[in-house]
């Protein structure tokens, strides 16, 4: 007679002590609650936005008119604002990315431990500043400086469409160029934090070996560090892009909001942004227009979620060791 096969025992998984179990449960509840909160916000915006979406149709997203005056049919279309948000966010990312990568490289590979901690603390403090403070700084302090930069760009690079100005008297102040710089200041800490984390987890022996073989700091950065960490850096940049798309108060202070679409004239004094448009219109909006503003918020919310999801996916794939 053959003996029955022994019963395979399962190894217990998860926390064993009572304290660890309660800690695991509480952190799991907090994590799941964040997903529930996002879903509730999405449902709330959809319910409030549905009347406007039903009335305006798909033209709400790509149309170029916003008429909310008494005695006229209500027309709500946010195409120029979506384009303006993307334009300003792109300018901010293009300015912030080199600064953030340089800061992360300096903190990880050049500064001593004490100076690195001080620099990290200062950058984190910049992330903690309220956007209204940065907006006021941008309006009163940075704008006069930026106008001089814009004048120089127009004078020497005006033949490039990006820096071309049709009417000098109605240019420079309140431009997407200034708004892009303000957004860049706000997203530098985010991109720097992610890039610094990626750089700190690189194989130091690989980098030291490349330097020992005669590579300069520049060549090692270009051929070893950057290619190895490119996925995580791109993910950090996309996280900063998601932050830039949703910026409201700071852009409201420094940008001259206009519903005339700005296709890329960075020095012209008109532009737009979905979040800033909601802020500008919400206080005097009728019930019908409020539904349209909620719909605009819904569109921006969905775009930001998509960008952040792509960024998190790229960061996780660039760090496969975190899955172990």
Protein backbone atom coordinates (compact mmCIF):
# COMPACT_ATOMS: atom_id res chain seq x y z
CA UNK A 1 0.00 0.00 0.00
CA UNK A 2 1.20 3.45 -0.87
CA UNK A 3 1.30 5.96 1.90
CA UNK A 4 -0.86 9.07 1.46
CA UNK A 5 1.04 12.18 0.48
CA UNK A 6 1.78 14.43 3.40
CA UNK A 7 -0.31 17.53 3.68
CA UNK A 8 1.60 20.51 2.48
CA UNK A 9 1.79 23.18 5.13
CA UNK A 10 1.38 26.80 4.14
CA UNK A 11 3.84 29.32 5.43
CA UNK A 12 2.10 32.13 7.25
CA UNK A 13 2.39 35.50 5.53
CA UNK A 14 1.94 38.96 6.86
CA UNK A 15 2.48 40.42 10.33
CA UNK A 16 2.40 37.99 13.25
CA UNK A 17 2.35 40.12 16.41
CA UNK A 18 -0.79 41.92 17.52
CA UNK A 19 0.82 45.35 17.23
CA UNK A 20 2.04 44.65 13.71
CA UNK A 21 -1.39 43.39 12.68
CA UNK A 22 -3.12 46.53 13.89
CA UNK A 23 -0.47 48.72 12.25
CA UNK A 24 -0.87 46.80 8.98
CA UNK A 25 -4.67 47.17 9.13
CA UNK A 26 -4.60 50.87 9.92
CA UNK A 27 -2.14 51.66 7.11
CA UNK A 28 -4.14 49.52 4.68
CA UNK A 29 -7.34 51.37 5.60
CA UNK A 30 -5.61 54.72 5.10
CA UNK A 31 -4.27 53.62 1.71
CA UNK A 32 -7.63 52.34 0.50
CA UNK A 33 -9.37 55.45 1.83
CA UNK A 34 -7.24 57.61 -0.49
CA UNK A 35 -8.63 55.67 -3.47
CA UNK A 36 -12.15 56.03 -2.11
CA UNK A 37 -11.63 59.77 -1.63
CA UNK A 38 -10.45 60.22 -5.23
CA UNK A 39 -13.44 58.23 -6.47
CA UNK A 40 -15.85 60.34 -4.39
CA UNK A 41 -14.35 63.57 -5.74
CA UNK A 42 -14.66 62.23 -9.27
CA UNK A 43 -18.31 61.23 -8.71
CA UNK A 44 -19.13 64.60 -7.14
CA UNK A 45 -17.62 66.51 -10.05
CA UNK A 46 -19.38 64.30 -12.58
CA UNK A 47 -22.79 64.78 -10.97
CA UNK A 48 -22.34 68.55 -10.78
CA UNK A 49 -20.94 68.73 -14.32
CA UNK A 50 -23.47 66.45 -16.02
CA UNK A 51 -26.05 69.18 -16.86
CA UNK A 52 -23.40 71.28 -18.63
CA UNK A 53 -21.86 68.29 -20.40
CA UNK A 54 -25.28 67.14 -21.55
CA UNK A 55 -26.20 70.58 -22.84
CA UNK A 56 -22.88 71.57 -24.45
CA UNK A 57 -21.85 68.17 -25.78
CA UNK A 58 -18.31 67.25 -26.78
CA UNK A 59 -17.76 70.81 -28.02
CA UNK A 60 -17.28 71.71 -24.37
CA UNK A 61 -13.76 70.30 -24.57
CA UNK A 62 -12.50 71.71 -27.86
CA UNK A 63 -14.76 74.75 -28.48
CA UNK A 64 -13.52 78.32 -28.22
CA UNK A 65 -16.48 80.33 -26.87
CA UNK A 66 -17.66 81.17 -23.38
CA UNK A 67 -20.82 83.28 -23.26
CA UNK A 68 -22.52 83.58 -19.86
CA UNK A 69 -24.34 86.91 -20.12
CA UNK A 70 -27.97 87.51 -19.25
CA UNK A 71 -30.35 87.41 -22.18
CA UNK A 72 -28.03 85.28 -24.33
CA UNK A 73 -27.83 81.51 -24.79
CA UNK A 74 -25.34 79.92 -22.41
CA UNK A 75 -22.27 78.72 -24.33
CA UNK A 76 -19.45 77.11 -22.37
CA UNK A 77 -16.38 75.73 -24.13
CA UNK A 78 -12.93 75.48 -22.59
CA UNK A 79 -10.65 74.69 -25.54
CA UNK A 80 -8.45 77.81 -25.11
CA UNK A 81 -8.12 77.19 -21.38
CA UNK A 82 -7.05 73.57 -21.84
CA UNK A 83 -4.49 74.63 -24.43
CA UNK A 84 -3.31 77.45 -22.16
CA UNK A 85 -2.84 75.06 -19.23
CA UNK A 86 -0.83 72.70 -21.41
CA UNK A 87 1.30 75.52 -22.84
CA UNK A 88 2.17 76.99 -19.43
CA UNK A 89 2.80 73.56 -17.94
CA UNK A 90 5.11 72.66 -20.84
CA UNK A 91 7.08 75.89 -20.46
CA UNK A 92 7.36 75.27 -16.72
CA UNK A 93 8.57 71.69 -17.22
CA UNK A 94 11.15 72.75 -19.82
CA UNK A 95 12.54 75.33 -17.39
CA UNK A 96 12.32 73.19 -14.23
CA UNK A 97 13.75 69.91 -15.54
CA UNK A 98 17.39 71.05 -16.07
CA UNK A 99 17.36 72.84 -12.71
CA UNK A 100 15.91 69.83 -10.90
CA UNK A 101 18.34 67.33 -12.46
CA UNK A 102 21.27 69.63 -11.65
CA UNK A 103 20.14 70.01 -8.04
CA UNK A 104 19.64 66.26 -7.62
CA UNK A 105 23.08 65.54 -9.10
CA UNK A 106 24.72 68.11 -6.84
CA UNK A 107 23.02 66.74 -3.70
CA UNK A 108 23.80 63.08 -4.40
CA UNK A 109 27.24 63.18 -6.05
CA UNK A 110 28.94 66.48 -5.15
CA UNK A 111 27.94 67.75 -1.72
CA UNK A 112 29.00 66.29 1.58
CA UNK A 113 26.41 64.65 3.83
CA UNK A 114 25.80 67.77 5.94
CA UNK A 115 25.50 70.16 3.02
CA UNK A 116 23.32 67.65 1.19
CA UNK A 117 20.92 67.56 4.14
CA UNK A 118 20.78 71.36 4.24
CA UNK A 119 20.12 71.59 0.49
CA UNK A 120 17.43 68.90 0.71
CA UNK A 121 15.72 70.74 3.57
CA UNK A 122 15.73 74.05 1.66
CA UNK A 123 14.22 72.43 -1.43
CA UNK A 124 11.55 70.72 0.67
CA UNK A 125 10.74 74.08 2.29
CA UNK A 126 10.22 75.54 -1.18
CA UNK A 127 7.66 72.82 -1.84
CA UNK A 128 5.86 73.77 1.39
CA UNK A 129 5.35 77.41 0.41
CA UNK A 130 1.68 78.22 -0.33
CA UNK A 131 0.97 78.99 -3.96
CA UNK A 132 -0.50 82.38 -3.04
CA UNK A 133 2.87 83.43 -1.60
CA UNK A 134 4.67 82.37 -4.76
CA UNK A 135 2.03 84.16 -6.82
CA UNK A 136 2.52 87.41 -4.91
CA UNK A 137 6.29 87.06 -5.20
CA UNK A 138 5.89 86.48 -8.92
CA UNK A 139 3.67 89.54 -9.35
CA UNK A 140 5.64 92.06 -7.30
CA UNK A 141 9.24 90.79 -7.53
CA UNK A 142 9.73 88.45 -10.47
CA UNK A 143 7.54 90.14 -13.11
CA UNK A 144 9.70 93.32 -13.44
CA UNK A 145 12.80 91.13 -13.84
CA UNK A 146 11.09 88.82 -16.33
CA UNK A 147 9.94 91.76 -18.44
CA UNK A 148 13.59 92.70 -18.99
CA UNK A 149 14.31 89.11 -20.05
CA UNK A 150 11.36 89.17 -22.44
CA UNK A 151 12.49 92.46 -23.96
CA UNK A 152 15.92 90.97 -24.61
CA UNK A 153 14.45 87.80 -26.11
CA UNK A 154 12.22 89.84 -28.42
CA UNK A 155 15.09 92.09 -29.43
CA UNK A 156 17.54 89.33 -30.38
CA UNK A 157 15.31 86.30 -31.03
CA UNK A 158 12.15 87.96 -32.30
CA UNK A 159 12.51 86.15 -35.63
CA UNK A 160 11.56 82.92 -33.81
CA UNK A 161 7.74 82.57 -33.65
CA UNK A 162 7.84 81.76 -29.92
CA UNK A 163 9.39 85.14 -29.12
CA UNK A 164 7.64 87.20 -31.79
CA UNK A 165 5.50 90.12 -30.59
CA UNK A 166 2.95 91.83 -32.81
CA UNK A 167 2.25 94.81 -30.54
CA UNK A 168 5.00 95.78 -28.11
CA UNK A 169 2.63 98.03 -26.13
CA UNK A 170 0.43 95.00 -25.31
CA UNK A 171 3.10 92.45 -24.54
CA UNK A 172 5.48 91.12 -21.90
CA UNK A 173 3.44 91.71 -18.70
CA UNK A 174 1.06 88.87 -17.84
CA UNK A 175 2.50 86.51 -20.46
CA UNK A 176 2.73 82.69 -20.55
CA UNK A 177 6.51 83.11 -20.29
CA UNK A 178 6.19 84.61 -16.80
CA UNK A 179 3.53 82.09 -15.80
CA UNK A 180 5.79 79.26 -16.98
CA UNK A 181 8.62 80.49 -14.76
CA UNK A 182 6.32 80.66 -11.74
CA UNK A 183 5.11 77.12 -12.41
CA UNK A 184 8.74 76.00 -12.78
CA UNK A 185 9.56 77.34 -9.32
CA UNK A 186 6.67 75.33 -7.90
CA UNK A 187 7.51 71.99 -9.55
CA UNK A 188 11.29 72.03 -9.11
CA UNK A 189 11.03 70.45 -5.61
CA UNK A 190 8.84 67.59 -6.91
CA UNK A 191 11.10 66.72 -9.84
CA UNK A 192 14.21 67.15 -7.68
CA UNK A 193 12.85 64.84 -4.98
CA UNK A 194 12.08 62.00 -7.41
CA UNK A 195 15.34 62.44 -9.34
CA UNK A 196 17.37 62.55 -6.13
CA UNK A 197 15.76 59.31 -4.98
CA UNK A 198 16.58 57.64 -8.31
CA UNK A 199 20.18 58.88 -8.30
CA UNK A 200 20.76 57.75 -4.70
CA UNK A 201 19.84 54.15 -5.58
CA UNK A 202 22.24 53.81 -8.51
CA UNK A 203 25.16 51.41 -8.25
CA UNK A 204 28.02 53.50 -6.85
CA UNK A 205 30.61 50.93 -7.93
CA UNK A 206 29.50 51.32 -11.54
CA UNK A 207 29.91 55.10 -11.34
CA UNK A 208 33.26 54.91 -9.53
CA UNK A 209 34.48 52.36 -12.07
CA UNK A 210 33.58 54.66 -14.95
CA UNK A 211 35.46 57.52 -13.28
CA UNK A 212 38.46 55.25 -12.58
CA UNK A 213 38.62 54.35 -16.28
CA UNK A 214 39.17 58.01 -17.11
CA UNK A 215 35.65 59.32 -17.57
CA UNK A 216 34.95 62.91 -16.66
CA UNK A 217 31.98 63.86 -14.51
CA UNK A 218 30.15 65.09 -17.60
CA UNK A 219 30.76 61.94 -19.64
CA UNK A 220 29.83 59.68 -16.71
CA UNK A 221 26.64 61.64 -16.21
CA UNK A 222 25.73 61.50 -19.92
CA UNK A 223 26.70 57.88 -20.58
CA UNK A 224 26.16 56.12 -17.25
CA UNK A 225 23.95 58.00 -14.79
CA UNK A 226 21.37 59.52 -17.11
CA UNK A 227 20.72 56.44 -19.30
CA UNK A 228 20.42 54.22 -16.20
CA UNK A 229 17.98 56.53 -14.43
CA UNK A 230 16.14 57.97 -17.43
CA UNK A 231 12.86 56.14 -16.71
CA UNK A 232 12.64 57.44 -13.16
CA UNK A 233 13.61 60.97 -14.20
CA UNK A 234 10.90 60.99 -16.87
CA UNK A 235 8.40 59.80 -14.27
CA UNK A 236 9.39 62.63 -11.95
CA UNK A 237 9.02 65.13 -14.78
CA UNK A 238 5.53 63.81 -15.52
CA UNK A 239 4.62 64.14 -11.83
CA UNK A 240 5.74 67.75 -12.02
CA UNK A 241 3.68 68.16 -15.18
CA UNK A 242 0.59 66.92 -13.33
CA UNK A 243 1.26 69.47 -10.60
CA UNK A 244 1.74 72.24 -13.14
CA UNK A 245 -1.53 71.49 -14.96
CA UNK A 246 -3.55 72.04 -11.80
CA UNK A 247 -1.89 75.24 -10.55
CA UNK A 248 -4.44 77.97 -9.85
CA UNK A 249 -3.67 80.96 -7.64
CA UNK A 250 -0.08 81.63 -8.68
CA UNK A 251 -1.00 81.69 -12.38
CA UNK A 252 -4.04 83.84 -11.62
CA UNK A 253 -1.75 86.54 -10.20
CA UNK A 254 0.83 86.65 -12.98
CA UNK A 255 -1.15 85.80 -16.14
CA UNK A 256 -3.49 88.09 -18.04
CA UNK A 257 -6.31 85.63 -18.62
CA UNK A 258 -7.97 85.90 -22.01
CA UNK A 259 -10.26 83.58 -23.93
CA UNK A 260 -8.39 84.36 -27.15
CA UNK A 261 -6.29 81.27 -27.68
CA UNK A 262 -2.53 81.78 -27.51
CA UNK A 263 -0.96 79.27 -29.89
CA UNK A 264 2.58 79.77 -28.63
CA UNK A 265 3.47 83.45 -28.54
CA UNK A 266 5.09 83.23 -25.13
CA UNK A 267 5.71 86.96 -24.76
CA UNK A 268 2.17 88.13 -25.62
CA UNK A 269 0.07 89.41 -22.72
CA UNK A 270 -2.73 86.89 -22.97
CA UNK A 271 -3.20 83.25 -22.17
CA UNK A 272 -5.30 80.93 -20.12
CA UNK A 273 -5.54 78.07 -17.69
CA UNK A 274 -8.47 75.87 -16.69
CA UNK A 275 -7.94 76.21 -12.94
CA UNK A 276 -7.36 79.96 -13.10
CA UNK A 277 -10.45 80.41 -15.30
CA UNK A 278 -12.55 78.57 -12.70
CA UNK A 279 -11.17 80.86 -9.99
CA UNK A 280 -11.84 83.98 -12.05
CA UNK A 281 -15.46 83.07 -12.91
CA UNK A 282 -16.73 81.18 -9.88
CA UNK A 283 -17.58 84.14 -7.66
CA UNK A 284 -20.03 85.73 -10.11
CA UNK A 285 -21.29 82.63 -11.91
CA UNK A 286 -24.94 81.64 -12.26
CA UNK A 287 -26.13 78.13 -11.48
CA UNK A 288 -25.80 77.09 -15.12
CA UNK A 289 -22.30 78.50 -15.40
CA UNK A 290 -21.28 76.82 -12.14
CA UNK A 291 -22.16 73.49 -13.73
CA UNK A 292 -19.87 74.40 -16.64
CA UNK A 293 -17.07 75.35 -14.26
CA UNK A 294 -17.52 72.04 -12.48
CA UNK A 295 -17.25 70.32 -15.86
CA UNK A 296 -14.03 72.21 -16.51
CA UNK A 297 -12.73 70.99 -13.17
CA UNK A 298 -13.73 67.45 -14.09
CA UNK A 299 -11.81 67.59 -17.36
CA UNK A 300 -8.72 68.97 -15.60
CA UNK A 301 -9.04 66.34 -12.86
CA UNK A 302 -9.15 63.50 -15.39
CA UNK A 303 -6.18 64.88 -17.34
CA UNK A 304 -4.15 65.19 -14.12
CA UNK A 305 -5.06 61.65 -13.05
CA UNK A 306 -3.93 60.27 -16.41
CA UNK A 307 -0.62 62.15 -16.26
CA UNK A 308 0.07 61.03 -12.69
CA UNK A 309 -0.85 57.42 -13.51
CA UNK A 310 1.61 57.41 -16.41
CA UNK A 311 4.28 58.97 -14.20
CA UNK A 312 3.84 56.39 -11.42
CA UNK A 313 3.95 53.56 -13.95
CA UNK A 314 7.23 54.83 -15.41
CA UNK A 315 8.79 55.33 -11.96
CA UNK A 316 7.79 51.83 -10.80
CA UNK A 317 9.13 50.18 -13.96
CA UNK A 318 12.40 52.04 -13.60
CA UNK A 319 12.81 50.67 -10.05
CA UNK A 320 11.98 46.94 -10.26
CA UNK A 321 13.81 46.26 -6.97
CA UNK A 322 10.96 47.96 -5.06
CA UNK A 323 8.63 45.09 -6.00
CA UNK A 324 10.67 42.54 -4.06
